[in-house]
Amino acid sequence: MTILGEAAIIRRRHDGTGSWGTDGRHTKSGTTDTAGVGSFQPPSGETLAMLDLGERARFARRLFTSLELRTTDQHTQVPADLVVVNSVVYKVVHVDPWSQVLPHFDATIVRVNE
């Protein structure tokens, strides 16, 4: 499948929630990188309105991709997927899976300040 304006992306997924050491410090879980392609588009006004004020101030984009993406799971405390494009890291804040005609994921991503 060829996507209009596609770019190479890397999905960085956390393997778990991490753990607490005996010294009381939190150790982050490892990550797994998966290569894919996606199409970056500017966010619509509706998409921007959905974001929190702090997220609106950061660089937001819509991403269309066939890679499965997930947001933060508040119940299990598993962090959201990260998407890396040209060494710039974005966090997935919203995902709509689509299964009609061409199965894909429509995600809202915001730039991470690293």
PDB file of N, CA and C in Angstrom:
ATOM      1  N   MET A   1       0.846  -1.171   0.000  1.00  0.00           N
ATOM      2  CA  MET A   1       0.000   0.000   0.000  1.00  0.00           C
ATOM      3  C   MET A   1       0.891   1.232   0.000  1.00  0.00           C
ATOM      4  N   THR A   2       0.656   2.154  -0.902  1.00  0.00           N
ATOM      5  CA  THR A   2       1.386   3.408  -0.940  1.00  0.00           C
ATOM      6  C   THR A   2       0.500   4.508  -0.374  1.00  0.00           C
ATOM      7  N   ILE A   3       1.054   5.271   0.541  1.00  0.00           N
ATOM      8  CA  ILE A   3       0.314   6.344   1.196  1.00  0.00           C
ATOM      9  C   ILE A   3       0.817   7.669   0.646  1.00  0.00           C
ATOM     10  N   LEU A   4      -0.089   8.587   0.379  1.00  0.00           N
ATOM     11  CA  LEU A   4       0.273   9.904  -0.128  1.00  0.00           C
ATOM     12  C   LEU A   4       1.206  10.607   0.850  1.00  0.00           C
ATOM     13  N   GLY A   5       2.336  11.059   0.364  1.00  0.00           N
ATOM     14  CA  GLY A   5       3.287  11.780   1.208  1.00  0.00           C
ATOM     15  C   GLY A   5       3.895  10.921   2.294  1.00  0.00           C
ATOM     16  N   GLU A   6       4.124   9.656   1.997  1.00  0.00           N
ATOM     17  CA  GLU A   6       4.606   8.758   3.042  1.00  0.00           C
ATOM     18  C   GLU A   6       6.046   9.053   3.439  1.00  0.00           C
ATOM     19  N   ALA A   7       6.346   8.734   4.678  1.00  0.00           N
ATOM     20  CA  ALA A   7       7.691   8.896   5.227  1.00  0.00           C
ATOM     21  C   ALA A   7       7.997   7.668   6.075  1.00  0.00           C
ATOM     22  N   ALA A   8       9.273   7.353   6.184  1.00  0.00           N
ATOM     23  CA  ALA A   8       9.689   6.244   7.043  1.00  0.00           C
ATOM     24  C   ALA A   8       9.500   6.642   8.498  1.00  0.00           C
ATOM     25  N   ILE A   9       8.927   5.746   9.298  1.00  0.00           N
ATOM     26  CA  ILE A   9       8.711   6.006  10.720  1.00  0.00           C
ATOM     27  C   ILE A   9       9.195   4.807  11.522  1.00  0.00           C
ATOM     28  N   ILE A  10       9.422   5.036  12.795  1.00  0.00           N
ATOM     29  CA  ILE A  10       9.727   3.969  13.736  1.00  0.00           C
ATOM     30  C   ILE A  10       8.742   4.077  14.880  1.00  0.00           C
ATOM     31  N   ARG A  11       8.040   2.972  15.174  1.00  0.00           N
ATOM     32  CA  ARG A  11       7.165   2.927  16.355  1.00  0.00           C
ATOM     33  C   ARG A  11       7.990   2.376  17.504  1.00  0.00           C
ATOM     34  N   ARG A  12       8.085   3.140  18.582  1.00  0.00           N
ATOM     35  CA  ARG A  12       8.813   2.724  19.779  1.00  0.00           C
ATOM     36  C   ARG A  12       7.786   2.384  20.851  1.00  0.00           C
ATOM     37  N   ARG A  13       7.670   1.091  21.172  1.00  0.00           N
ATOM     38  CA  ARG A  13       6.663   0.617  22.129  1.00  0.00           C
ATOM     39  C   ARG A  13       7.346   0.134  23.402  1.00  0.00           C
ATOM     40  N   HIS A  14       6.844   0.592  24.547  1.00  0.00           N
ATOM     41  CA  HIS A  14       7.359   0.149  25.845  1.00  0.00           C
ATOM     42  C   HIS A  14       6.917  -1.284  26.099  1.00  0.00           C
ATOM     43  N   ASP A  15       7.833  -2.081  26.639  1.00  0.00           N
ATOM     44  CA  ASP A  15       7.546  -3.491  26.900  1.00  0.00           C
ATOM     45  C   ASP A  15       6.685  -3.696  28.142  1.00  0.00           C
ATOM     46  N   GLY A  16       6.558  -2.710  28.978  1.00  0.00           N
ATOM     47  CA  GLY A  16       5.758  -2.831  30.203  1.00  0.00           C
ATOM     48  C   GLY A  16       5.770  -1.522  30.958  1.00  0.00           C
ATOM     49  N   THR A  17       5.456  -1.606  32.222  1.00  0.00           N
ATOM     50  CA  THR A  17       5.363  -0.403  33.039  1.00  0.00           C
ATOM     51  C   THR A  17       6.642  -0.089  33.788  1.00  0.00           C
ATOM     52  N   GLY A  18       7.600  -1.011  33.801  1.00  0.00           N
ATOM     53  CA  GLY A  18       8.822  -0.820  34.567  1.00  0.00           C
ATOM     54  C   GLY A  18       8.662  -1.457  35.938  1.00  0.00           C
ATOM     55  N   SER A  19       9.592  -1.177  36.818  1.00  0.00           N
ATOM     56  CA  SER A  19       9.530  -1.781  38.154  1.00  0.00           C
ATOM     57  C   SER A  19      10.179  -0.852  39.174  1.00  0.00           C
ATOM     58  N   TRP A  20       9.868  -1.127  40.446  1.00  0.00           N
ATOM     59  CA  TRP A  20      10.439  -0.356  41.549  1.00  0.00           C
ATOM     60  C   TRP A  20      11.525  -1.186  42.207  1.00  0.00           C
ATOM     61  N   GLY A  21      12.705  -0.603  42.369  1.00  0.00           N
ATOM     62  CA  GLY A  21      13.822  -1.293  43.008  1.00  0.00           C
ATOM     63  C   GLY A  21      13.715  -1.224  44.514  1.00  0.00           C
ATOM     64  N   THR A  22      14.563  -1.984  45.192  1.00  0.00           N
ATOM     65  CA  THR A  22      14.568  -1.996  46.651  1.00  0.00           C
ATOM     66  C   THR A  22      15.024  -0.660  47.224  1.00  0.00           C
ATOM     67  N   ASP A  23      15.700   0.147  46.384  1.00  0.00           N
ATOM     68  CA  ASP A  23      16.137   1.474  46.825  1.00  0.00           C
ATOM     69  C   ASP A  23      15.056   2.532  46.634  1.00  0.00           C
ATOM     70  N   GLY A  24      13.881   2.107  46.131  1.00  0.00           N
ATOM     71  CA  GLY A  24      12.764   3.024  45.942  1.00  0.00           C
ATOM     72  C   GLY A  24      12.785   3.767  44.629  1.00  0.00           C
ATOM     73  N   ARG A  25      13.740   3.461  43.778  1.00  0.00           N
ATOM     74  CA  ARG A  25      13.816   4.127  42.472  1.00  0.00           C
ATOM     75  C   ARG A  25      13.082   3.314  41.412  1.00  0.00           C
ATOM     76  N   HIS A  26      12.460   4.037  40.498  1.00  0.00           N
ATOM     77  CA  HIS A  26      11.724   3.389  39.409  1.00  0.00           C
ATOM     78  C   HIS A  26      12.668   3.122  38.240  1.00  0.00           C
ATOM     79  N   THR A  27      12.589   1.909  37.695  1.00  0.00           N
ATOM     80  CA  THR A  27      13.364   1.537  36.517  1.00  0.00           C
ATOM     81  C   THR A  27      12.414   1.418  35.348  1.00  0.00           C
ATOM     82  N   LYS A  28      12.684   2.159  34.279  1.00  0.00           N
ATOM     83  CA  LYS A  28      11.820   2.120  33.102  1.00  0.00           C
ATOM     84  C   LYS A  28      11.928   0.769  32.414  1.00  0.00           C
ATOM     85  N   SER A  29      10.840   0.397  31.743  1.00  0.00           N
ATOM     86  CA  SER A  29      10.850  -0.841  30.971  1.00  0.00           C
ATOM     87  C   SER A  29      11.629  -0.619  29.682  1.00  0.00           C
ATOM     88  N   GLY A  30      11.991  -1.714  29.033  1.00  0.00           N
ATOM     89  CA  GLY A  30      12.674  -1.614  27.750  1.00  0.00           C
ATOM     90  C   GLY A  30      11.688  -1.227  26.653  1.00  0.00           C
ATOM     91  N   THR A  31      12.216  -0.977  25.461  1.00  0.00           N
ATOM     92  CA  THR A  31      11.366  -0.634  24.329  1.00  0.00           C
ATOM     93  C   THR A  31      11.686  -1.527  23.146  1.00  0.00           C
ATOM     94  N   THR A  32      10.714  -1.667  22.268  1.00  0.00           N
ATOM     95  CA  THR A  32      10.875  -2.408  21.021  1.00  0.00           C
ATOM     96  C   THR A  32      10.568  -1.462  19.879  1.00  0.00           C
ATOM     97  N   ASP A  33      11.477  -1.378  18.903  1.00  0.00           N
ATOM     98  CA  ASP A  33      11.291  -0.520  17.735  1.00  0.00           C
ATOM     99  C   ASP A  33      10.788  -1.333  16.556  1.00  0.00           C
ATOM    100  N   THR A  34       9.785  -0.796  15.845  1.00  0.00           N
ATOM    101  CA  THR A  34       9.237  -1.427  14.647  1.00  0.00           C
ATOM    102  C   THR A  34       9.226  -0.386  13.534  1.00  0.00           C
ATOM    103  N   ALA A  35       9.817  -0.740  12.389  1.00  0.00           N
ATOM    104  CA  ALA A  35       9.871   0.186  11.251  1.00  0.00           C
ATOM    105  C   ALA A  35       8.591   0.102  10.434  1.00  0.00           C
ATOM    106  N   GLY A  36       8.210   1.210   9.840  1.00  0.00           N
ATOM    107  CA  GLY A  36       7.024   1.258   8.990  1.00  0.00           C
ATOM    108  C   GLY A  36       7.011   2.546   8.190  1.00  0.00           C
ATOM    109  N   VAL A  37       5.871   2.833   7.583  1.00  0.00           N
ATOM    110  CA  VAL A  37       5.685   4.088   6.851  1.00  0.00           C
ATOM    111  C   VAL A  37       4.403   4.751   7.325  1.00  0.00           C
ATOM    112  N   GLY A  38       4.348   6.058   7.169  1.00  0.00           N
ATOM    113  CA  GLY A  38       3.157   6.793   7.552  1.00  0.00           C
ATOM    114  C   GLY A  38       3.064   8.080   6.763  1.00  0.00           C
ATOM    115  N   SER A  39       1.895   8.674   6.760  1.00  0.00           N
ATOM    116  CA  SER A  39       1.657   9.942   6.092  1.00  0.00           C
ATOM    117  C   SER A  39       1.345  10.986   7.156  1.00  0.00           C
ATOM    118  N   PHE A  40       2.123  12.082   7.170  1.00  0.00           N
ATOM    119  CA  PHE A  40       1.928  13.154   8.129  1.00  0.00           C
ATOM    120  C   PHE A  40       1.107  14.261   7.502  1.00  0.00           C
ATOM    121  N   GLN A  41       0.100  14.715   8.247  1.00  0.00           N
ATOM    122  CA  GLN A  41      -0.784  15.776   7.790  1.00  0.00           C
ATOM    123  C   GLN A  41      -0.926  16.803   8.904  1.00  0.00           C
ATOM    124  N   PRO A  42      -1.233  18.044   8.568  1.00  0.00           N
ATOM    125  CA  PRO A  42      -1.498  19.027   9.618  1.00  0.00           C
ATOM    126  C   PRO A  42      -2.792  18.664  10.346  1.00  0.00           C
ATOM    127  N   PRO A  43      -2.898  18.988  11.629  1.00  0.00           N
ATOM    128  CA  PRO A  43      -4.114  18.667  12.373  1.00  0.00           C
ATOM    129  C   PRO A  43      -5.265  19.578  11.970  1.00  0.00           C
ATOM    130  N   SER A  44      -6.467  19.042  12.016  1.00  0.00           N
ATOM    131  CA  SER A  44      -7.658  19.853  11.740  1.00  0.00           C
ATOM    132  C   SER A  44      -7.991  20.676  12.986  1.00  0.00           C
ATOM    133  N   GLY A  45      -8.884  21.635  12.836  1.00  0.00           N
ATOM    134  CA  GLY A  45      -9.332  22.424  13.986  1.00  0.00           C
ATOM    135  C   GLY A  45      -9.989  21.548  15.037  1.00  0.00           C
ATOM    136  N   GLU A  46     -10.726  20.544  14.598  1.00  0.00           N
ATOM    137  CA  GLU A  46     -11.380  19.606  15.522  1.00  0.00           C
ATOM    138  C   GLU A  46     -10.336  18.815  16.312  1.00  0.00           C
ATOM    139  N   THR A  47      -9.279  18.403  15.632  1.00  0.00           N
ATOM    140  CA  THR A  47      -8.204  17.659  16.299  1.00  0.00           C
ATOM    141  C   THR A  47      -7.516  18.537  17.334  1.00  0.00           C
ATOM    142  N   LEU A  48      -7.214  19.777  16.985  1.00  0.00           N
ATOM    143  CA  LEU A  48      -6.573  20.689  17.932  1.00  0.00           C
ATOM    144  C   LEU A  48      -7.460  20.969  19.138  1.00  0.00           C
ATOM    145  N   ALA A  49      -8.758  21.093  18.922  1.00  0.00           N
ATOM    146  CA  ALA A  49      -9.687  21.365  20.022  1.00  0.00           C
ATOM    147  C   ALA A  49      -9.743  20.193  21.007  1.00  0.00           C
ATOM    148  N   MET A  50      -9.476  18.977  20.519  1.00  0.00           N
ATOM    149  CA  MET A  50      -9.507  17.785  21.360  1.00  0.00           C
ATOM    150  C   MET A  50      -8.304  17.731  22.311  1.00  0.00           C
ATOM    151  N   LEU A  51      -7.205  18.380  21.932  1.00  0.00           N
ATOM    152  CA  LEU A  51      -5.979  18.326  22.725  1.00  0.00           C
ATOM    153  C   LEU A  51      -6.060  19.236  23.940  1.00  0.00           C
ATOM    154  N   ASP A  52      -5.335  18.852  25.004  1.00  0.00           N
ATOM    155  CA  ASP A  52      -5.190  19.725  26.163  1.00  0.00           C
ATOM    156  C   ASP A  52      -4.401  20.958  25.745  1.00  0.00           C
ATOM    157  N   LEU A  53      -4.543  22.030  26.495  1.00  0.00           N
ATOM    158  CA  LEU A  53      -3.883  23.285  26.145  1.00  0.00           C
ATOM    159  C   LEU A  53      -2.374  23.113  26.013  1.00  0.00           C
ATOM    160  N   GLY A  54      -1.754  22.369  26.932  1.00  0.00           N
ATOM    161  CA  GLY A  54      -0.313  22.162  26.873  1.00  0.00           C
ATOM    162  C   GLY A  54       0.102  21.390  25.633  1.00  0.00           C
ATOM    163  N   GLU A  55      -0.726  20.435  25.201  1.00  0.00           N
ATOM    164  CA  GLU A  55      -0.413  19.663  24.002  1.00  0.00           C
ATOM    165  C   GLU A  55      -0.613  20.497  22.743  1.00  0.00           C
ATOM    166  N   ARG A  56      -1.577  21.429  22.776  1.00  0.00           N
ATOM    167  CA  ARG A  56      -1.812  22.303  21.625  1.00  0.00           C
ATOM    168  C   ARG A  56      -0.607  23.200  21.359  1.00  0.00           C
ATOM    169  N   ALA A  57       0.105  23.563  22.440  1.00  0.00           N
ATOM    170  CA  ALA A  57       1.257  24.444  22.304  1.00  0.00           C
ATOM    171  C   ALA A  57       2.440  23.722  21.668  1.00  0.00           C
ATOM    172  N   ARG A  58       2.456  22.393  21.774  1.00  0.00           N
ATOM    173  CA  ARG A  58       3.535  21.624  21.153  1.00  0.00           C
ATOM    174  C   ARG A  58       3.181  21.332  19.702  1.00  0.00           C
ATOM    175  N   PHE A  59       4.130  20.904  18.937  1.00  0.00           N
ATOM    176  CA  PHE A  59       3.958  20.621  17.519  1.00  0.00           C
ATOM    177  C   PHE A  59       3.093  19.382  17.358  1.00  0.00           C
ATOM    178  N   ALA A  60       1.850  19.531  16.890  1.00  0.00           N
ATOM    179  CA  ALA A  60       0.921  18.406  16.718  1.00  0.00           C
ATOM    180  C   ALA A  60       0.785  18.063  15.237  1.00  0.00           C
ATOM    181  N   ARG A  61       0.568  16.785  14.952  1.00  0.00           N
ATOM    182  CA  ARG A  61       0.370  16.291  13.593  1.00  0.00           C
ATOM    183  C   ARG A  61      -0.627  15.143  13.620  1.00  0.00           C
ATOM    184  N   ARG A  62      -1.239  14.889  12.456  1.00  0.00           N
ATOM    185  CA  ARG A  62      -2.028  13.669  12.262  1.00  0.00           C
ATOM    186  C   ARG A  62      -1.149  12.698  11.503  1.00  0.00           C
ATOM    187  N   LEU A  63      -1.216  11.438  11.888  1.00  0.00           N
ATOM    188  CA  LEU A  63      -0.416  10.399  11.257  1.00  0.00           C
ATOM    189  C   LEU A  63      -1.347   9.281  10.809  1.00  0.00           C
ATOM    190  N   PHE A  64      -1.252   8.911   9.547  1.00  0.00           N
ATOM    191  CA  PHE A  64      -1.994   7.778   9.002  1.00  0.00           C
ATOM    192  C   PHE A  64      -0.983   6.672   8.727  1.00  0.00           C
ATOM    193  N   THR A  65      -1.190   5.492   9.293  1.00  0.00           N
ATOM    194  CA  THR A  65      -0.247   4.396   9.142  1.00  0.00           C
ATOM    195  C   THR A  65      -0.949   3.050   9.285  1.00  0.00           C
ATOM    196  N   SER A  66      -0.320   2.008   8.754  1.00  0.00           N
ATOM    197  CA  SER A  66      -0.864   0.659   8.925  1.00  0.00           C
ATOM    198  C   SER A  66      -0.309   0.006  10.192  1.00  0.00           C
ATOM    199  N   LEU A  67       0.682   0.640  10.848  1.00  0.00           N
ATOM    200  CA  LEU A  67       1.205   0.123  12.113  1.00  0.00           C
ATOM    201  C   LEU A  67       0.189   0.362  13.221  1.00  0.00           C
ATOM    202  N   GLU A  68      -0.024  -0.637  14.046  1.00  0.00           N
ATOM    203  CA  GLU A  68      -0.926  -0.461  15.187  1.00  0.00           C
ATOM    204  C   GLU A  68      -0.273   0.500  16.178  1.00  0.00           C
ATOM    205  N   LEU A  69      -1.034   1.495  16.627  1.00  0.00           N
ATOM    206  CA  LEU A  69      -0.550   2.469  17.593  1.00  0.00           C
ATOM    207  C   LEU A  69      -1.444   2.458  18.814  1.00  0.00           C
ATOM    208  N   ARG A  70      -0.883   2.792  19.969  1.00  0.00           N
ATOM    209  CA  ARG A  70      -1.691   2.852  21.194  1.00  0.00           C
ATOM    210  C   ARG A  70      -1.317   4.066  22.026  1.00  0.00           C
ATOM    211  N   THR A  71      -2.304   4.520  22.782  1.00  0.00           N
ATOM    212  CA  THR A  71      -2.110   5.639  23.699  1.00  0.00           C
ATOM    213  C   THR A  71      -1.803   5.088  25.089  1.00  0.00           C
ATOM    214  N   THR A  72      -1.596   5.980  26.046  1.00  0.00           N
ATOM    215  CA  THR A  72      -1.348   5.563  27.422  1.00  0.00           C
ATOM    216  C   THR A  72      -2.563   4.813  27.958  1.00  0.00           C
ATOM    217  N   ASP A  73      -2.316   3.687  28.617  1.00  0.00           N
ATOM    218  CA  ASP A  73      -3.387   2.926  29.265  1.00  0.00           C
ATOM    219  C   ASP A  73      -3.368   3.295  30.743  1.00  0.00           C
ATOM    220  N   GLN A  74      -4.362   4.063  31.188  1.00  0.00           N
ATOM    221  CA  GLN A  74      -4.378   4.549  32.564  1.00  0.00           C
ATOM    222  C   GLN A  74      -4.595   3.441  33.578  1.00  0.00           C
ATOM    223  N   HIS A  75      -5.208   2.328  33.155  1.00  0.00           N
ATOM    224  CA  HIS A  75      -5.473   1.233  34.096  1.00  0.00           C
ATOM    225  C   HIS A  75      -4.225   0.397  34.363  1.00  0.00           C
ATOM    226  N   THR A  76      -3.445   0.130  33.311  1.00  0.00           N
ATOM    227  CA  THR A  76      -2.241  -0.687  33.476  1.00  0.00           C
ATOM    228  C   THR A  76      -0.980   0.157  33.596  1.00  0.00           C
ATOM    229  N   GLN A  77      -1.095   1.469  33.392  1.00  0.00           N
ATOM    230  CA  GLN A  77       0.022   2.408  33.453  1.00  0.00           C
ATOM    231  C   GLN A  77       1.070   2.157  32.370  1.00  0.00           C
ATOM    232  N   VAL A  78       0.677   1.499  31.269  1.00  0.00           N
ATOM    233  CA  VAL A  78       1.591   1.302  30.143  1.00  0.00           C
ATOM    234  C   VAL A  78       1.649   2.600  29.348  1.00  0.00           C
ATOM    235  N   PRO A  79       2.855   3.129  29.105  1.00  0.00           N
ATOM    236  CA  PRO A  79       2.981   4.408  28.391  1.00  0.00           C
ATOM    237  C   PRO A  79       2.544   4.313  26.926  1.00  0.00           C
ATOM    238  N   ALA A  80       2.240   5.454  26.358  1.00  0.00           N
ATOM    239  CA  ALA A  80       1.859   5.533  24.943  1.00  0.00           C
ATOM    240  C   ALA A  80       3.035   5.187  24.044  1.00  0.00           C
ATOM    241  N   ASP A  81       2.716   4.758  22.827  1.00  0.00           N
ATOM    242  CA  ASP A  81       3.749   4.532  21.827  1.00  0.00           C
ATOM    243  C   ASP A  81       4.400   5.854  21.465  1.00  0.00           C
ATOM    244  N   LEU A  82       5.653   5.783  21.071  1.00  0.00           N
ATOM    245  CA  LEU A  82       6.362   6.932  20.528  1.00  0.00           C
ATOM    246  C   LEU A  82       6.585   6.673  19.046  1.00  0.00           C
ATOM    247  N   VAL A  83       6.564   7.719  18.252  1.00  0.00           N
ATOM    248  CA  VAL A  83       6.817   7.619  16.818  1.00  0.00           C
ATOM    249  C   VAL A  83       8.026   8.499  16.513  1.00  0.00           C
ATOM    250  N   VAL A  84       9.023   7.917  15.850  1.00  0.00           N
ATOM    251  CA  VAL A  84      10.249   8.643  15.516  1.00  0.00           C
ATOM    252  C   VAL A  84      10.281   8.875  14.010  1.00  0.00           C
ATOM    253  N   VAL A  85      10.426  10.142  13.624  1.00  0.00           N
ATOM    254  CA  VAL A  85      10.518  10.532  12.220  1.00  0.00           C
ATOM    255  C   VAL A  85      11.695  11.492  12.071  1.00  0.00           C
ATOM    256  N   ASN A  86      12.663  11.124  11.247  1.00  0.00           N
ATOM    257  CA  ASN A  86      13.842  11.973  11.039  1.00  0.00           C
ATOM    258  C   ASN A  86      14.466  12.415  12.368  1.00  0.00           C
ATOM    259  N   SER A  87      14.593  11.497  13.305  1.00  0.00           N
ATOM    260  CA  SER A  87      15.188  11.723  14.633  1.00  0.00           C
ATOM    261  C   SER A  87      14.343  12.619  15.539  1.00  0.00           C
ATOM    262  N   VAL A  88      13.132  12.976  15.135  1.00  0.00           N
ATOM    263  CA  VAL A  88      12.220  13.755  15.976  1.00  0.00           C
ATOM    264  C   VAL A  88      11.222  12.779  16.604  1.00  0.00           C
ATOM    265  N   VAL A  89      11.031  12.890  17.929  1.00  0.00           N
ATOM    266  CA  VAL A  89      10.186  11.951  18.661  1.00  0.00           C
ATOM    267  C   VAL A  89       8.828  12.585  18.949  1.00  0.00           C
ATOM    268  N   TYR A  90       7.766  11.823  18.669  1.00  0.00           N
ATOM    269  CA  TYR A  90       6.386  12.244  18.926  1.00  0.00           C
ATOM    270  C   TYR A  90       5.713  11.215  19.826  1.00  0.00           C
ATOM    271  N   LYS A  91       4.758  11.662  20.631  1.00  0.00           N
ATOM    272  CA  LYS A  91       3.974  10.765  21.482  1.00  0.00           C
ATOM    273  C   LYS A  91       2.570  10.645  20.905  1.00  0.00           C
ATOM    274  N   VAL A  92       2.026   9.431  20.904  1.00  0.00           N
ATOM    275  CA  VAL A  92       0.668   9.188  20.416  1.00  0.00           C
ATOM    276  C   VAL A  92      -0.309   9.590  21.524  1.00  0.00           C
ATOM    277  N   VAL A  93      -1.209  10.545  21.224  1.00  0.00           N
ATOM    278  CA  VAL A  93      -2.172  11.006  22.225  1.00  0.00           C
ATOM    279  C   VAL A  93      -3.608  10.593  21.908  1.00  0.00           C
ATOM    280  N   HIS A  94      -3.869  10.196  20.647  1.00  0.00           N
ATOM    281  CA  HIS A  94      -5.216   9.751  20.269  1.00  0.00           C
ATOM    282  C   HIS A  94      -5.100   8.850  19.045  1.00  0.00           C
ATOM    283  N   VAL A  95      -5.892   7.771  19.018  1.00  0.00           N
ATOM    284  CA  VAL A  95      -5.869   6.845  17.879  1.00  0.00           C
ATOM    285  C   VAL A  95      -7.290   6.429  17.517  1.00  0.00           C
ATOM    286  N   ASP A  96      -7.592   6.453  16.237  1.00  0.00           N
ATOM    287  CA  ASP A  96      -8.838   5.898  15.698  1.00  0.00           C
ATOM    288  C   ASP A  96      -8.460   4.803  14.707  1.00  0.00           C
ATOM    289  N   PRO A  97      -8.811   3.535  15.013  1.00  0.00           N
ATOM    290  CA  PRO A  97      -8.550   2.477  14.029  1.00  0.00           C
ATOM    291  C   PRO A  97      -9.647   2.474  12.965  1.00  0.00           C
ATOM    292  N   TRP A  98      -9.257   2.298  11.709  1.00  0.00           N
ATOM    293  CA  TRP A  98     -10.197   2.234  10.599  1.00  0.00           C
ATOM    294  C   TRP A  98     -10.031   0.892   9.899  1.00  0.00           C
ATOM    295  N   SER A  99     -11.143   0.221   9.632  1.00  0.00           N
ATOM    296  CA  SER A  99     -11.063  -1.090   8.986  1.00  0.00           C
ATOM    297  C   SER A  99     -11.774  -1.116   7.635  1.00  0.00           C
ATOM    298  N   GLN A 100     -12.296   0.028   7.187  1.00  0.00           N
ATOM    299  CA  GLN A 100     -13.010   0.078   5.918  1.00  0.00           C
ATOM    300  C   GLN A 100     -12.028   0.303   4.774  1.00  0.00           C
ATOM    301  N   VAL A 101     -12.236  -0.343   3.676  1.00  0.00           N
ATOM    302  CA  VAL A 101     -11.449  -0.261   2.447  1.00  0.00           C
ATOM    303  C   VAL A 101      -9.973  -0.602   2.718  1.00  0.00           C
ATOM    304  N   LEU A 102      -9.190   0.332   3.246  1.00  0.00           N
ATOM    305  CA  LEU A 102      -7.791   0.089   3.603  1.00  0.00           C
ATOM    306  C   LEU A 102      -7.643   0.186   5.115  1.00  0.00           C
ATOM    307  N   PRO A 103      -7.428  -0.938   5.800  1.00  0.00           N
ATOM    308  CA  PRO A 103      -7.258  -0.880   7.255  1.00  0.00           C
ATOM    309  C   PRO A 103      -6.049  -0.014   7.625  1.00  0.00           C
ATOM    310  N   HIS A 104      -6.256   0.933   8.521  1.00  0.00           N
ATOM    311  CA  HIS A 104      -5.173   1.803   8.950  1.00  0.00           C
ATOM    312  C   HIS A 104      -5.524   2.452  10.280  1.00  0.00           C
ATOM    313  N   PHE A 105      -4.579   3.201  10.827  1.00  0.00           N
ATOM    314  CA  PHE A 105      -4.773   3.915  12.081  1.00  0.00           C
ATOM    315  C   PHE A 105      -4.600   5.404  11.812  1.00  0.00           C
ATOM    316  N   ASP A 106      -5.538   6.204  12.311  1.00  0.00           N
ATOM    317  CA  ASP A 106      -5.520   7.664  12.211  1.00  0.00           C
ATOM    318  C   ASP A 106      -5.161   8.165  13.608  1.00  0.00           C
ATOM    319  N   ALA A 107      -3.937   8.658  13.765  1.00  0.00           N
ATOM    320  CA  ALA A 107      -3.450   9.031  15.092  1.00  0.00           C
ATOM    321  C   ALA A 107      -3.120  10.513  15.178  1.00  0.00           C
ATOM    322  N   THR A 108      -3.300  11.065  16.366  1.00  0.00           N
ATOM    323  CA  THR A 108      -2.841  12.414  16.671  1.00  0.00           C
ATOM    324  C   THR A 108      -1.580  12.254  17.496  1.00  0.00           C
ATOM    325  N   ILE A 109      -0.511  12.913  17.049  1.00  0.00           N
ATOM    326  CA  ILE A 109       0.768  12.817  17.744  1.00  0.00           C
ATOM    327  C   ILE A 109       1.266  14.214  18.075  1.00  0.00           C
ATOM    328  N   VAL A 110       1.991  14.340  19.193  1.00  0.00           N
ATOM    329  CA  VAL A 110       2.575  15.618  19.593  1.00  0.00           C
ATOM    330  C   VAL A 110       4.066  15.423  19.846  1.00  0.00           C
ATOM    331  N   ARG A 111       4.819  16.449  19.534  1.00  0.00           N
ATOM    332  CA  ARG A 111       6.274  16.365  19.672  1.00  0.00           C
ATOM    333  C   ARG A 111       6.656  16.269  21.140  1.00  0.00           C
ATOM    334  N   VAL A 112       7.638  15.414  21.424  1.00  0.00           N
ATOM    335  CA  VAL A 112       8.143  15.228  22.781  1.00  0.00           C
ATOM    336  C   VAL A 112       9.372  16.107  22.943  1.00  0.00           C
ATOM    337  N   ASN A 113       9.426  16.843  24.036  1.00  0.00           N
ATOM    338  CA  ASN A 113      10.597  17.675  24.323  1.00  0.00           C
ATOM    339  C   ASN A 113      11.632  16.816  25.008  1.00  0.00           C
ATOM    340  N   GLU A 114      12.664  16.447  24.272  1.00  0.00           N
ATOM    341  CA  GLU A 114      13.715  15.596  24.857  1.00  0.00           C
ATOM    342  C   GLU A 114      14.959  16.391  25.149  1.00  0.00           C
TER     343      GLU A 114
END
